[in-house]
Amino acid sequence: MTSALRREYGVFTSLARLHHSDLVVAARAAEDAGFANLWVADVRGDLDVLSLATSATRELTVGSAVLSIWDADARPSAAAW
């Protein structure tokens, strides 16, 4: 895949697959490989893991794949992130 295509695509993973420390390693690896985005599923309202990934990288855009309304109230989630 060319570097231009990597900038348009991202990496998808889940906390069910990775632990917090492994997510940091995965975020750095995705950025080093030239990807622009990292999507993390199964955060279950734990938005701190997204902050860990953004703090560990320079330009990577990090997002929750799905944020369940049963796991995280919308207002505090929006205020925190």
N, C-alpha and C. Protein backbone atom coordinates (compact mmCIF):
# COMPACT_ATOMS: atom_id res chain seq x y z
N MET A 1 0.85 -1.17 0.00
CA MET A 1 0.00 0.00 0.00
C MET A 1 0.90 1.23 0.00
N THR A 2 0.59 2.18 -0.85
CA THR A 2 1.40 3.39 -0.91
C THR A 2 1.14 4.26 0.31
N SER A 3 2.07 5.15 0.61
CA SER A 3 1.91 6.01 1.79
C SER A 3 0.72 6.94 1.63
N ALA A 4 0.40 7.35 0.39
CA ALA A 4 -0.77 8.21 0.18
C ALA A 4 -2.05 7.47 0.55
N LEU A 5 -2.14 6.20 0.21
CA LEU A 5 -3.33 5.43 0.58
C LEU A 5 -3.41 5.22 2.09
N ARG A 6 -2.29 5.00 2.75
CA ARG A 6 -2.29 4.82 4.20
C ARG A 6 -2.85 6.04 4.90
N ARG A 7 -2.58 7.24 4.36
CA ARG A 7 -3.07 8.47 4.99
C ARG A 7 -4.60 8.56 4.90
N GLU A 8 -5.20 7.86 3.96
CA GLU A 8 -6.65 7.88 3.82
C GLU A 8 -7.33 6.78 4.62
N TYR A 9 -6.57 5.79 5.05
CA TYR A 9 -7.13 4.66 5.77
C TYR A 9 -6.60 4.64 7.19
N GLY A 10 -7.13 3.74 7.97
CA GLY A 10 -6.66 3.63 9.34
C GLY A 10 -6.60 2.18 9.79
N VAL A 11 -6.33 2.03 11.06
CA VAL A 11 -6.22 0.73 11.68
C VAL A 11 -7.37 0.56 12.66
N PHE A 12 -7.99 -0.60 12.64
CA PHE A 12 -9.10 -0.91 13.54
C PHE A 12 -8.66 -2.03 14.47
N THR A 13 -8.87 -1.83 15.76
CA THR A 13 -8.59 -2.88 16.74
C THR A 13 -9.60 -2.75 17.88
N SER A 14 -9.43 -3.57 18.90
CA SER A 14 -10.35 -3.49 20.04
C SER A 14 -9.60 -3.73 21.33
N LEU A 15 -10.16 -3.21 22.41
CA LEU A 15 -9.57 -3.46 23.73
C LEU A 15 -9.75 -4.90 24.14
N ALA A 16 -10.70 -5.60 23.53
CA ALA A 16 -10.85 -7.03 23.80
C ALA A 16 -9.61 -7.79 23.29
N ARG A 17 -8.96 -7.22 22.30
CA ARG A 17 -7.77 -7.84 21.71
C ARG A 17 -6.48 -7.33 22.35
N LEU A 18 -6.47 -6.07 22.76
CA LEU A 18 -5.27 -5.44 23.30
C LEU A 18 -5.51 -4.96 24.73
N HIS A 19 -4.46 -4.93 25.53
CA HIS A 19 -4.52 -4.29 26.84
C HIS A 19 -4.08 -2.84 26.67
N HIS A 20 -4.23 -2.02 27.71
CA HIS A 20 -3.90 -0.60 27.61
C HIS A 20 -2.48 -0.37 27.10
N SER A 21 -1.50 -1.06 27.67
CA SER A 21 -0.11 -0.85 27.25
C SER A 21 0.11 -1.30 25.81
N ASP A 22 -0.57 -2.36 25.40
CA ASP A 22 -0.44 -2.83 24.02
C ASP A 22 -1.09 -1.85 23.04
N LEU A 23 -2.11 -1.13 23.49
CA LEU A 23 -2.75 -0.14 22.63
C LEU A 23 -1.78 0.98 22.30
N VAL A 24 -0.97 1.39 23.24
CA VAL A 24 0.04 2.41 23.00
C VAL A 24 1.03 1.92 21.95
N VAL A 25 1.47 0.70 22.08
CA VAL A 25 2.40 0.11 21.10
C VAL A 25 1.73 0.06 19.73
N ALA A 26 0.47 -0.35 19.67
CA ALA A 26 -0.25 -0.44 18.40
C ALA A 26 -0.43 0.95 17.77
N ALA A 27 -0.72 1.94 18.59
CA ALA A 27 -0.90 3.31 18.08
C ALA A 27 0.40 3.82 17.47
N ARG A 28 1.50 3.61 18.16
CA ARG A 28 2.80 4.05 17.63
C ARG A 28 3.15 3.31 16.34
N ALA A 29 2.87 2.02 16.30
CA ALA A 29 3.16 1.22 15.10
C ALA A 29 2.31 1.68 13.92
N ALA A 30 1.04 1.98 14.16
CA ALA A 30 0.16 2.46 13.10
C ALA A 30 0.68 3.79 12.54
N GLU A 31 1.05 4.69 13.44
CA GLU A 31 1.56 5.98 12.99
C GLU A 31 2.89 5.82 12.25
N ASP A 32 3.77 5.00 12.78
CA ASP A 32 5.07 4.77 12.14
C ASP A 32 4.91 4.15 10.75
N ALA A 33 3.84 3.37 10.57
CA ALA A 33 3.58 2.74 9.27
C ALA A 33 2.92 3.72 8.29
N GLY A 34 2.58 4.91 8.77
CA GLY A 34 2.01 5.92 7.89
C GLY A 34 0.51 6.04 7.92
N PHE A 35 -0.14 5.30 8.80
CA PHE A 35 -1.60 5.41 8.89
C PHE A 35 -1.99 6.67 9.63
N ALA A 36 -3.11 7.26 9.27
CA ALA A 36 -3.56 8.51 9.87
C ALA A 36 -4.54 8.30 11.01
N ASN A 37 -5.18 7.14 11.06
CA ASN A 37 -6.29 6.93 12.00
C ASN A 37 -6.17 5.61 12.73
N LEU A 38 -6.65 5.61 13.96
CA LEU A 38 -6.77 4.39 14.76
C LEU A 38 -8.16 4.38 15.38
N TRP A 39 -8.91 3.34 15.11
CA TRP A 39 -10.25 3.17 15.68
C TRP A 39 -10.20 2.03 16.68
N VAL A 40 -10.73 2.27 17.87
CA VAL A 40 -10.66 1.29 18.95
C VAL A 40 -12.08 0.93 19.38
N ALA A 41 -12.41 -0.35 19.26
CA ALA A 41 -13.73 -0.84 19.69
C ALA A 41 -13.62 -1.38 21.12
N ASP A 42 -14.75 -1.63 21.72
CA ASP A 42 -14.85 -2.24 23.05
C ASP A 42 -14.24 -1.40 24.16
N VAL A 43 -14.29 -0.06 24.04
CA VAL A 43 -13.74 0.76 25.11
C VAL A 43 -14.65 0.79 26.33
N ARG A 44 -15.91 0.44 26.15
CA ARG A 44 -16.88 0.34 27.26
C ARG A 44 -16.87 1.58 28.15
N GLY A 45 -16.80 2.75 27.53
CA GLY A 45 -16.84 4.00 28.28
C GLY A 45 -15.50 4.42 28.86
N ASP A 46 -14.45 3.63 28.66
CA ASP A 46 -13.12 3.96 29.18
C ASP A 46 -12.39 4.83 28.15
N LEU A 47 -12.69 6.12 28.17
CA LEU A 47 -12.10 7.02 27.19
C LEU A 47 -10.64 7.34 27.49
N ASP A 48 -10.17 6.97 28.67
CA ASP A 48 -8.76 7.18 29.01
C ASP A 48 -7.83 6.45 28.05
N VAL A 49 -8.27 5.31 27.55
CA VAL A 49 -7.41 4.56 26.62
C VAL A 49 -7.20 5.33 25.32
N LEU A 50 -8.20 6.09 24.91
CA LEU A 50 -8.05 6.91 23.71
C LEU A 50 -7.04 8.02 23.96
N SER A 51 -7.09 8.59 25.15
CA SER A 51 -6.12 9.63 25.52
C SER A 51 -4.70 9.06 25.58
N LEU A 52 -4.57 7.84 26.07
CA LEU A 52 -3.25 7.19 26.11
C LEU A 52 -2.67 7.08 24.70
N ALA A 53 -3.50 6.67 23.76
CA ALA A 53 -3.03 6.49 22.38
C ALA A 53 -2.67 7.83 21.75
N THR A 54 -3.45 8.87 21.98
CA THR A 54 -3.13 10.17 21.39
C THR A 54 -1.89 10.78 22.04
N SER A 55 -1.70 10.54 23.32
CA SER A 55 -0.52 11.07 24.02
C SER A 55 0.76 10.38 23.56
N ALA A 56 0.64 9.17 23.08
CA ALA A 56 1.80 8.38 22.68
C ALA A 56 2.21 8.62 21.23
N THR A 57 1.41 9.39 20.50
CA THR A 57 1.68 9.61 19.08
C THR A 57 1.74 11.10 18.77
N ARG A 58 2.19 11.44 17.57
CA ARG A 58 2.34 12.83 17.19
C ARG A 58 1.14 13.37 16.41
N GLU A 59 0.66 12.61 15.43
CA GLU A 59 -0.38 13.11 14.53
C GLU A 59 -1.56 12.16 14.35
N LEU A 60 -1.53 11.02 14.98
CA LEU A 60 -2.55 10.00 14.78
C LEU A 60 -3.91 10.49 15.30
N THR A 61 -4.93 10.33 14.50
CA THR A 61 -6.30 10.60 14.94
C THR A 61 -6.84 9.32 15.56
N VAL A 62 -7.36 9.41 16.76
CA VAL A 62 -7.82 8.24 17.50
C VAL A 62 -9.30 8.41 17.81
N GLY A 63 -10.06 7.35 17.62
CA GLY A 63 -11.48 7.42 17.91
C GLY A 63 -12.03 6.10 18.39
N SER A 64 -13.16 6.19 19.06
CA SER A 64 -13.88 5.00 19.49
C SER A 64 -14.72 4.51 18.33
N ALA A 65 -14.64 3.25 18.02
CA ALA A 65 -15.43 2.71 16.92
C ALA A 65 -16.92 2.85 17.21
N VAL A 66 -17.32 2.49 18.41
CA VAL A 66 -18.70 2.64 18.86
C VAL A 66 -18.64 2.95 20.35
N LEU A 67 -19.40 3.91 20.78
CA LEU A 67 -19.47 4.24 22.20
C LEU A 67 -20.91 4.01 22.64
N SER A 68 -21.12 2.96 23.40
CA SER A 68 -22.45 2.56 23.81
C SER A 68 -23.06 3.54 24.80
N ILE A 69 -24.31 3.87 24.60
CA ILE A 69 -24.99 4.78 25.52
C ILE A 69 -25.22 4.12 26.88
N TRP A 70 -25.09 2.82 26.96
CA TRP A 70 -25.25 2.12 28.24
C TRP A 70 -23.94 2.12 29.04
N ASP A 71 -22.83 2.32 28.35
CA ASP A 71 -21.53 2.32 29.02
C ASP A 71 -21.02 3.72 29.35
N ALA A 72 -21.48 4.72 28.62
CA ALA A 72 -20.98 6.08 28.82
C ALA A 72 -22.08 7.09 28.54
N ASP A 73 -22.36 7.93 29.51
CA ASP A 73 -23.32 9.01 29.34
C ASP A 73 -22.76 10.03 28.34
N ALA A 74 -23.59 10.55 27.47
CA ALA A 74 -23.14 11.42 26.39
C ALA A 74 -22.51 12.72 26.88
N ARG A 75 -23.12 13.38 27.84
CA ARG A 75 -22.59 14.68 28.27
C ARG A 75 -21.21 14.59 28.90
N PRO A 76 -20.99 13.72 29.89
CA PRO A 76 -19.63 13.62 30.45
C PRO A 76 -18.61 13.14 29.42
N SER A 77 -19.04 12.27 28.51
CA SER A 77 -18.12 11.78 27.48
C SER A 77 -17.69 12.93 26.56
N ALA A 78 -18.65 13.74 26.14
CA ALA A 78 -18.34 14.88 25.28
C ALA A 78 -17.47 15.90 26.00
N ALA A 79 -17.74 16.13 27.27
CA ALA A 79 -16.95 17.10 28.04
C ALA A 79 -15.53 16.60 28.26
N ALA A 80 -15.37 15.30 28.45
CA ALA A 80 -14.05 14.73 28.71
C ALA A 80 -13.21 14.63 27.46
N TRP A 81 -13.86 14.49 26.32
CA TRP A 81 -13.13 14.28 25.08
C TRP A 81 -13.51 15.30 24.08
